[in-house]
């Protein structure tokens, strides 16, 4: 039980992650474009806040060279 509490304390409060789109997807494949749009990003340098779930983390990982996670 104590191990689970410590793991939960290490996460951000609120369970969200902020993602910023920083590199254009001009030469990227269609699935990367759809991933950017799926994250809710519409414009360059836009910041969106999403729930910190494994599916969102996977989307961020897929386009990690195009976005950055904002603290």
PDB file of N, CA and C in Angstrom:
ATOM      1  N   UNK A   1       0.813  -1.196   0.000  1.00  0.00           N
ATOM      2  CA  UNK A   1       0.000   0.000   0.000  1.00  0.00           C
ATOM      3  C   UNK A   1       0.856   1.260   0.000  1.00  0.00           C
ATOM      4  N   UNK A   2       1.915   1.291   0.772  1.00  0.00           N
ATOM      5  CA  UNK A   2       2.755   2.483   0.839  1.00  0.00           C
ATOM      6  C   UNK A   2       3.445   2.749  -0.488  1.00  0.00           C
ATOM      7  N   UNK A   3       3.755   1.694  -1.220  1.00  0.00           N
ATOM      8  CA  UNK A   3       4.408   1.861  -2.514  1.00  0.00           C
ATOM      9  C   UNK A   3       3.459   2.541  -3.499  1.00  0.00           C
ATOM     10  N   UNK A   4       2.196   2.169  -3.493  1.00  0.00           N
ATOM     11  CA  UNK A   4       1.221   2.773  -4.398  1.00  0.00           C
ATOM     12  C   UNK A   4       1.022   4.248  -4.093  1.00  0.00           C
ATOM     13  N   UNK A   5       1.010   4.610  -2.823  1.00  0.00           N
ATOM     14  CA  UNK A   5       0.840   6.013  -2.452  1.00  0.00           C
ATOM     15  C   UNK A   5       2.010   6.856  -2.939  1.00  0.00           C
ATOM     16  N   UNK A   6       3.230   6.337  -2.807  1.00  0.00           N
ATOM     17  CA  UNK A   6       4.399   7.082  -3.260  1.00  0.00           C
ATOM     18  C   UNK A   6       4.386   7.261  -4.770  1.00  0.00           C
ATOM     19  N   UNK A   7       3.932   6.243  -5.496  1.00  0.00           N
ATOM     20  CA  UNK A   7       3.861   6.353  -6.949  1.00  0.00           C
ATOM     21  C   UNK A   7       2.833   7.408  -7.353  1.00  0.00           C
ATOM     22  N   UNK A   8       1.732   7.472  -6.643  1.00  0.00           N
ATOM     23  CA  UNK A   8       0.699   8.453  -6.967  1.00  0.00           C
ATOM     24  C   UNK A   8       1.161   9.870  -6.644  1.00  0.00           C
ATOM     25  N   UNK A   9       1.973  10.030  -5.610  1.00  0.00           N
ATOM     26  CA  UNK A   9       2.460  11.353  -5.250  1.00  0.00           C
ATOM     27  C   UNK A   9       3.430  11.910  -6.282  1.00  0.00           C
ATOM     28  N   UNK A  10       4.116  11.049  -7.018  1.00  0.00           N
ATOM     29  CA  UNK A  10       5.070  11.484  -8.014  1.00  0.00           C
ATOM     30  C   UNK A  10       4.420  12.054  -9.263  1.00  0.00           C
ATOM     31  N   UNK A  11       3.138  11.745  -9.485  1.00  0.00           N
ATOM     32  CA  UNK A  11       2.447  12.254 -10.660  1.00  0.00           C
ATOM     33  C   UNK A  11       1.991  13.681 -10.427  1.00  0.00           C
ATOM     34  N   UNK A  12       1.677  14.366 -11.543  1.00  0.00           N
ATOM     35  CA  UNK A  12       1.186  15.731 -11.444  1.00  0.00           C
ATOM     36  C   UNK A  12      -0.196  15.742 -10.822  1.00  0.00           C
ATOM     37  N   UNK A  13      -0.491  16.797 -10.086  1.00  0.00           N
ATOM     38  CA  UNK A  13      -1.818  16.927  -9.520  1.00  0.00           C
ATOM     39  C   UNK A  13      -2.790  17.270 -10.638  1.00  0.00           C
ATOM     40  N   UNK A  14      -3.947  16.667 -10.624  1.00  0.00           N
ATOM     41  CA  UNK A  14      -4.931  16.915 -11.655  1.00  0.00           C
ATOM     42  C   UNK A  14      -4.901  15.886 -12.763  1.00  0.00           C
ATOM     43  N   UNK A  15      -3.812  15.171 -12.942  1.00  0.00           N
ATOM     44  CA  UNK A  15      -3.730  14.126 -13.947  1.00  0.00           C
ATOM     45  C   UNK A  15      -3.804  14.630 -15.368  1.00  0.00           C
ATOM     46  N   UNK A  16      -3.190  15.788 -15.640  1.00  0.00           N
ATOM     47  CA  UNK A  16      -3.208  16.325 -16.994  1.00  0.00           C
ATOM     48  C   UNK A  16      -1.791  16.568 -17.482  1.00  0.00           C
ATOM     49  N   UNK A  17      -1.666  16.700 -18.797  1.00  0.00           N
ATOM     50  CA  UNK A  17      -0.382  16.981 -19.414  1.00  0.00           C
ATOM     51  C   UNK A  17      -0.614  18.068 -20.464  1.00  0.00           C
ATOM     52  N   UNK A  18       0.280  19.039 -20.522  1.00  0.00           N
ATOM     53  CA  UNK A  18       0.176  20.115 -21.504  1.00  0.00           C
ATOM     54  C   UNK A  18       1.118  19.820 -22.659  1.00  0.00           C
ATOM     55  N   UNK A  19       0.595  19.890 -23.878  1.00  0.00           N
ATOM     56  CA  UNK A  19       1.348  19.558 -25.076  1.00  0.00           C
ATOM     57  C   UNK A  19       1.394  20.791 -25.966  1.00  0.00           C
ATOM     58  N   UNK A  20       2.585  21.100 -26.481  1.00  0.00           N
ATOM     59  CA  UNK A  20       2.760  22.241 -27.381  1.00  0.00           C
ATOM     60  C   UNK A  20       3.298  21.741 -28.711  1.00  0.00           C
ATOM     61  N   UNK A  21       2.688  22.207 -29.800  1.00  0.00           N
ATOM     62  CA  UNK A  21       3.118  21.837 -31.148  1.00  0.00           C
ATOM     63  C   UNK A  21       4.198  22.814 -31.582  1.00  0.00           C
ATOM     64  N   UNK A  22       5.431  22.326 -31.850  1.00  0.00           N
ATOM     65  CA  UNK A  22       6.559  23.216 -32.120  1.00  0.00           C
ATOM     66  C   UNK A  22       7.190  23.041 -33.502  1.00  0.00           C
ATOM     67  N   UNK A  23       6.986  21.903 -34.182  1.00  0.00           N
ATOM     68  CA  UNK A  23       7.602  21.661 -35.492  1.00  0.00           C
ATOM     69  C   UNK A  23       6.498  21.328 -36.487  1.00  0.00           C
ATOM     70  N   UNK A  24       6.582  21.881 -37.684  1.00  0.00           N
ATOM     71  CA  UNK A  24       5.571  21.658 -38.708  1.00  0.00           C
ATOM     72  C   UNK A  24       5.541  20.200 -39.154  1.00  0.00           C
ATOM     73  N   UNK A  25       4.370  19.759 -39.600  1.00  0.00           N
ATOM     74  CA  UNK A  25       4.243  18.392 -40.086  1.00  0.00           C
ATOM     75  C   UNK A  25       4.182  18.324 -41.614  1.00  0.00           C
ATOM     76  N   UNK A  26       4.781  19.278 -42.286  1.00  0.00           N
ATOM     77  CA  UNK A  26       4.717  19.355 -43.749  1.00  0.00           C
ATOM     78  C   UNK A  26       5.226  18.074 -44.411  1.00  0.00           C
ATOM     79  N   UNK A  27       6.337  17.534 -43.988  1.00  0.00           N
ATOM     80  CA  UNK A  27       6.895  16.341 -44.637  1.00  0.00           C
ATOM     81  C   UNK A  27       6.559  15.050 -43.900  1.00  0.00           C
ATOM     82  N   UNK A  28       5.557  15.070 -43.034  1.00  0.00           N
ATOM     83  CA  UNK A  28       5.207  13.884 -42.256  1.00  0.00           C
ATOM     84  C   UNK A  28       4.118  13.073 -42.942  1.00  0.00           C
ATOM     85  N   UNK A  29       3.970  11.851 -42.485  1.00  0.00           N
ATOM     86  CA  UNK A  29       2.962  10.961 -43.048  1.00  0.00           C
ATOM     87  C   UNK A  29       1.570  11.357 -42.544  1.00  0.00           C
ATOM     88  N   UNK A  30       0.547  10.823 -43.207  1.00  0.00           N
ATOM     89  CA  UNK A  30      -0.833  11.158 -42.861  1.00  0.00           C
ATOM     90  C   UNK A  30      -1.195  10.718 -41.444  1.00  0.00           C
ATOM     91  N   UNK A  31      -0.653   9.573 -41.000  1.00  0.00           N
ATOM     92  CA  UNK A  31      -1.000   9.131 -39.655  1.00  0.00           C
ATOM     93  C   UNK A  31      -0.417  10.053 -38.589  1.00  0.00           C
ATOM     94  N   UNK A  32       0.726  10.656 -38.844  1.00  0.00           N
ATOM     95  CA  UNK A  32       1.279  11.636 -37.903  1.00  0.00           C
ATOM     96  C   UNK A  32       0.436  12.903 -37.894  1.00  0.00           C
ATOM     97  N   UNK A  33      -0.046  13.312 -39.057  1.00  0.00           N
ATOM     98  CA  UNK A  33      -0.934  14.479 -39.134  1.00  0.00           C
ATOM     99  C   UNK A  33      -2.215  14.224 -38.347  1.00  0.00           C
ATOM    100  N   UNK A  34      -2.765  13.033 -38.498  1.00  0.00           N
ATOM    101  CA  UNK A  34      -3.982  12.684 -37.776  1.00  0.00           C
ATOM    102  C   UNK A  34      -3.743  12.609 -36.276  1.00  0.00           C
ATOM    103  N   UNK A  35      -2.557  12.195 -35.871  1.00  0.00           N
ATOM    104  CA  UNK A  35      -2.228  12.149 -34.448  1.00  0.00           C
ATOM    105  C   UNK A  35      -2.155  13.549 -33.865  1.00  0.00           C
ATOM    106  N   UNK A  36      -1.535  14.483 -34.598  1.00  0.00           N
ATOM    107  CA  UNK A  36      -1.481  15.876 -34.151  1.00  0.00           C
ATOM    108  C   UNK A  36      -2.895  16.428 -33.994  1.00  0.00           C
ATOM    109  N   UNK A  37      -3.738  16.182 -34.994  1.00  0.00           N
ATOM    110  CA  UNK A  37      -5.123  16.657 -34.934  1.00  0.00           C
ATOM    111  C   UNK A  37      -5.887  15.962 -33.814  1.00  0.00           C
ATOM    112  N   UNK A  38      -5.592  14.675 -33.599  1.00  0.00           N
ATOM    113  CA  UNK A  38      -6.246  13.924 -32.535  1.00  0.00           C
ATOM    114  C   UNK A  38      -5.910  14.438 -31.151  1.00  0.00           C
ATOM    115  N   UNK A  39      -4.737  15.006 -31.003  1.00  0.00           N
ATOM    116  CA  UNK A  39      -4.362  15.626 -29.730  1.00  0.00           C
ATOM    117  C   UNK A  39      -5.083  16.952 -29.526  1.00  0.00           C
ATOM    118  N   UNK A  40      -5.735  17.451 -30.569  1.00  0.00           N
ATOM    119  CA  UNK A  40      -6.472  18.705 -30.451  1.00  0.00           C
ATOM    120  C   UNK A  40      -5.676  19.914 -30.876  1.00  0.00           C
ATOM    121  N   UNK A  41      -4.534  19.710 -31.495  1.00  0.00           N
ATOM    122  CA  UNK A  41      -3.691  20.820 -31.929  1.00  0.00           C
ATOM    123  C   UNK A  41      -4.132  21.289 -33.308  1.00  0.00           C
ATOM    124  N   UNK A  42      -4.348  22.580 -33.454  1.00  0.00           N
ATOM    125  CA  UNK A  42      -4.820  23.159 -34.708  1.00  0.00           C
ATOM    126  C   UNK A  42      -3.795  24.098 -35.334  1.00  0.00           C
ATOM    127  N   UNK A  43      -2.987  24.757 -34.516  1.00  0.00           N
ATOM    128  CA  UNK A  43      -2.013  25.739 -34.997  1.00  0.00           C
ATOM    129  C   UNK A  43      -0.659  25.475 -34.356  1.00  0.00           C
ATOM    130  N   UNK A  44       0.371  25.935 -35.041  1.00  0.00           N
ATOM    131  CA  UNK A  44       1.724  25.843 -34.484  1.00  0.00           C
ATOM    132  C   UNK A  44       1.790  26.676 -33.198  1.00  0.00           C
ATOM    133  N   UNK A  45       2.563  26.230 -32.248  1.00  0.00           N
ATOM    134  CA  UNK A  45       2.800  26.888 -30.959  1.00  0.00           C
ATOM    135  C   UNK A  45       1.544  26.971 -30.099  1.00  0.00           C
ATOM    136  N   UNK A  46       0.558  26.179 -30.431  1.00  0.00           N
ATOM    137  CA  UNK A  46      -0.641  26.094 -29.604  1.00  0.00           C
ATOM    138  C   UNK A  46      -0.372  25.107 -28.470  1.00  0.00           C
ATOM    139  N   UNK A  47      -0.893  25.407 -27.295  1.00  0.00           N
ATOM    140  CA  UNK A  47      -0.747  24.529 -26.142  1.00  0.00           C
ATOM    141  C   UNK A  47      -2.125  24.007 -25.773  1.00  0.00           C
ATOM    142  N   UNK A  48      -2.254  22.690 -25.638  1.00  0.00           N
ATOM    143  CA  UNK A  48      -3.504  22.070 -25.204  1.00  0.00           C
ATOM    144  C   UNK A  48      -3.228  21.240 -23.958  1.00  0.00           C
ATOM    145  N   UNK A  49      -4.244  21.093 -23.145  1.00  0.00           N
ATOM    146  CA  UNK A  49      -4.130  20.301 -21.927  1.00  0.00           C
ATOM    147  C   UNK A  49      -4.996  19.063 -22.085  1.00  0.00           C
ATOM    148  N   UNK A  50      -4.399  17.901 -21.928  1.00  0.00           N
ATOM    149  CA  UNK A  50      -5.091  16.622 -22.092  1.00  0.00           C
ATOM    150  C   UNK A  50      -4.931  15.791 -20.826  1.00  0.00           C
ATOM    151  N   UNK A  51      -5.840  14.825 -20.653  1.00  0.00           N
ATOM    152  CA  UNK A  51      -5.718  13.900 -19.531  1.00  0.00           C
ATOM    153  C   UNK A  51      -4.459  13.058 -19.706  1.00  0.00           C
ATOM    154  N   UNK A  52      -3.815  12.749 -18.600  1.00  0.00           N
ATOM    155  CA  UNK A  52      -2.592  11.954 -18.633  1.00  0.00           C
ATOM    156  C   UNK A  52      -2.964  10.471 -18.614  1.00  0.00           C
ATOM    157  N   UNK A  53      -3.297   9.946 -19.794  1.00  0.00           N
ATOM    158  CA  UNK A  53      -3.674   8.545 -19.928  1.00  0.00           C
ATOM    159  C   UNK A  53      -2.655   7.838 -20.818  1.00  0.00           C
ATOM    160  N   UNK A  54      -2.608   6.524 -20.773  1.00  0.00           N
ATOM    161  CA  UNK A  54      -1.665   5.804 -21.638  1.00  0.00           C
ATOM    162  C   UNK A  54      -1.899   6.063 -23.123  1.00  0.00           C
ATOM    163  N   UNK A  55      -3.140   6.255 -23.540  1.00  0.00           N
ATOM    164  CA  UNK A  55      -3.399   6.493 -24.962  1.00  0.00           C
ATOM    165  C   UNK A  55      -2.864   7.856 -25.395  1.00  0.00           C
ATOM    166  N   UNK A  56      -3.016   8.861 -24.558  1.00  0.00           N
ATOM    167  CA  UNK A  56      -2.487  10.193 -24.877  1.00  0.00           C
ATOM    168  C   UNK A  56      -0.967  10.161 -24.851  1.00  0.00           C
ATOM    169  N   UNK A  57      -0.383   9.464 -23.892  1.00  0.00           N
ATOM    170  CA  UNK A  57       1.076   9.330 -23.845  1.00  0.00           C
ATOM    171  C   UNK A  57       1.601   8.633 -25.098  1.00  0.00           C
ATOM    172  N   UNK A  58       0.865   7.641 -25.608  1.00  0.00           N
ATOM    173  CA  UNK A  58       1.262   6.963 -26.828  1.00  0.00           C
ATOM    174  C   UNK A  58       1.206   7.878 -28.038  1.00  0.00           C
ATOM    175  N   UNK A  59       0.189   8.746 -28.074  1.00  0.00           N
ATOM    176  CA  UNK A  59       0.086   9.706 -29.168  1.00  0.00           C
ATOM    177  C   UNK A  59       1.245  10.689 -29.119  1.00  0.00           C
ATOM    178  N   UNK A  60       1.579  11.156 -27.928  1.00  0.00           N
ATOM    179  CA  UNK A  60       2.705  12.076 -27.773  1.00  0.00           C
ATOM    180  C   UNK A  60       3.998  11.400 -28.200  1.00  0.00           C
ATOM    181  N   UNK A  61       4.151  10.131 -27.835  1.00  0.00           N
ATOM    182  CA  UNK A  61       5.362   9.391 -28.203  1.00  0.00           C
ATOM    183  C   UNK A  61       5.486   9.237 -29.718  1.00  0.00           C
ATOM    184  N   UNK A  62       4.358   9.053 -30.386  1.00  0.00           N
ATOM    185  CA  UNK A  62       4.373   8.859 -31.838  1.00  0.00           C
ATOM    186  C   UNK A  62       4.864  10.101 -32.569  1.00  0.00           C
ATOM    187  N   UNK A  63       4.534  11.283 -32.058  1.00  0.00           N
ATOM    188  CA  UNK A  63       4.921  12.538 -32.717  1.00  0.00           C
ATOM    189  C   UNK A  63       5.869  13.339 -31.816  1.00  0.00           C
ATOM    190  N   UNK A  64       6.717  12.639 -31.077  1.00  0.00           N
ATOM    191  CA  UNK A  64       7.600  13.285 -30.102  1.00  0.00           C
ATOM    192  C   UNK A  64       8.582  14.261 -30.733  1.00  0.00           C
ATOM    193  N   UNK A  65       8.856  14.105 -32.031  1.00  0.00           N
ATOM    194  CA  UNK A  65       9.765  15.026 -32.709  1.00  0.00           C
ATOM    195  C   UNK A  65       9.052  16.291 -33.175  1.00  0.00           C
ATOM    196  N   UNK A  66       7.727  16.334 -33.049  1.00  0.00           N
ATOM    197  CA  UNK A  66       6.955  17.493 -33.474  1.00  0.00           C
ATOM    198  C   UNK A  66       6.383  18.304 -32.309  1.00  0.00           C
ATOM    199  N   UNK A  67       6.272  17.690 -31.141  1.00  0.00           N
ATOM    200  CA  UNK A  67       5.649  18.357 -29.989  1.00  0.00           C
ATOM    201  C   UNK A  67       6.603  18.347 -28.799  1.00  0.00           C
ATOM    202  N   UNK A  68       6.266  19.143 -27.805  1.00  0.00           N
ATOM    203  CA  UNK A  68       6.988  19.097 -26.540  1.00  0.00           C
ATOM    204  C   UNK A  68       5.974  19.166 -25.416  1.00  0.00           C
ATOM    205  N   UNK A  69       6.312  18.547 -24.298  1.00  0.00           N
ATOM    206  CA  UNK A  69       5.464  18.576 -23.117  1.00  0.00           C
ATOM    207  C   UNK A  69       5.867  19.780 -22.284  1.00  0.00           C
ATOM    208  N   UNK A  70       4.893  20.640 -21.988  1.00  0.00           N
ATOM    209  CA  UNK A  70       5.143  21.881 -21.258  1.00  0.00           C
ATOM    210  C   UNK A  70       4.900  21.613 -19.777  1.00  0.00           C
ATOM    211  N   UNK A  71       5.778  22.111 -18.946  1.00  0.00           N
ATOM    212  CA  UNK A  71       5.620  21.948 -17.489  1.00  0.00           C
ATOM    213  C   UNK A  71       4.577  22.884 -16.949  1.00  0.00           C
TER     214      UNK A  71
END
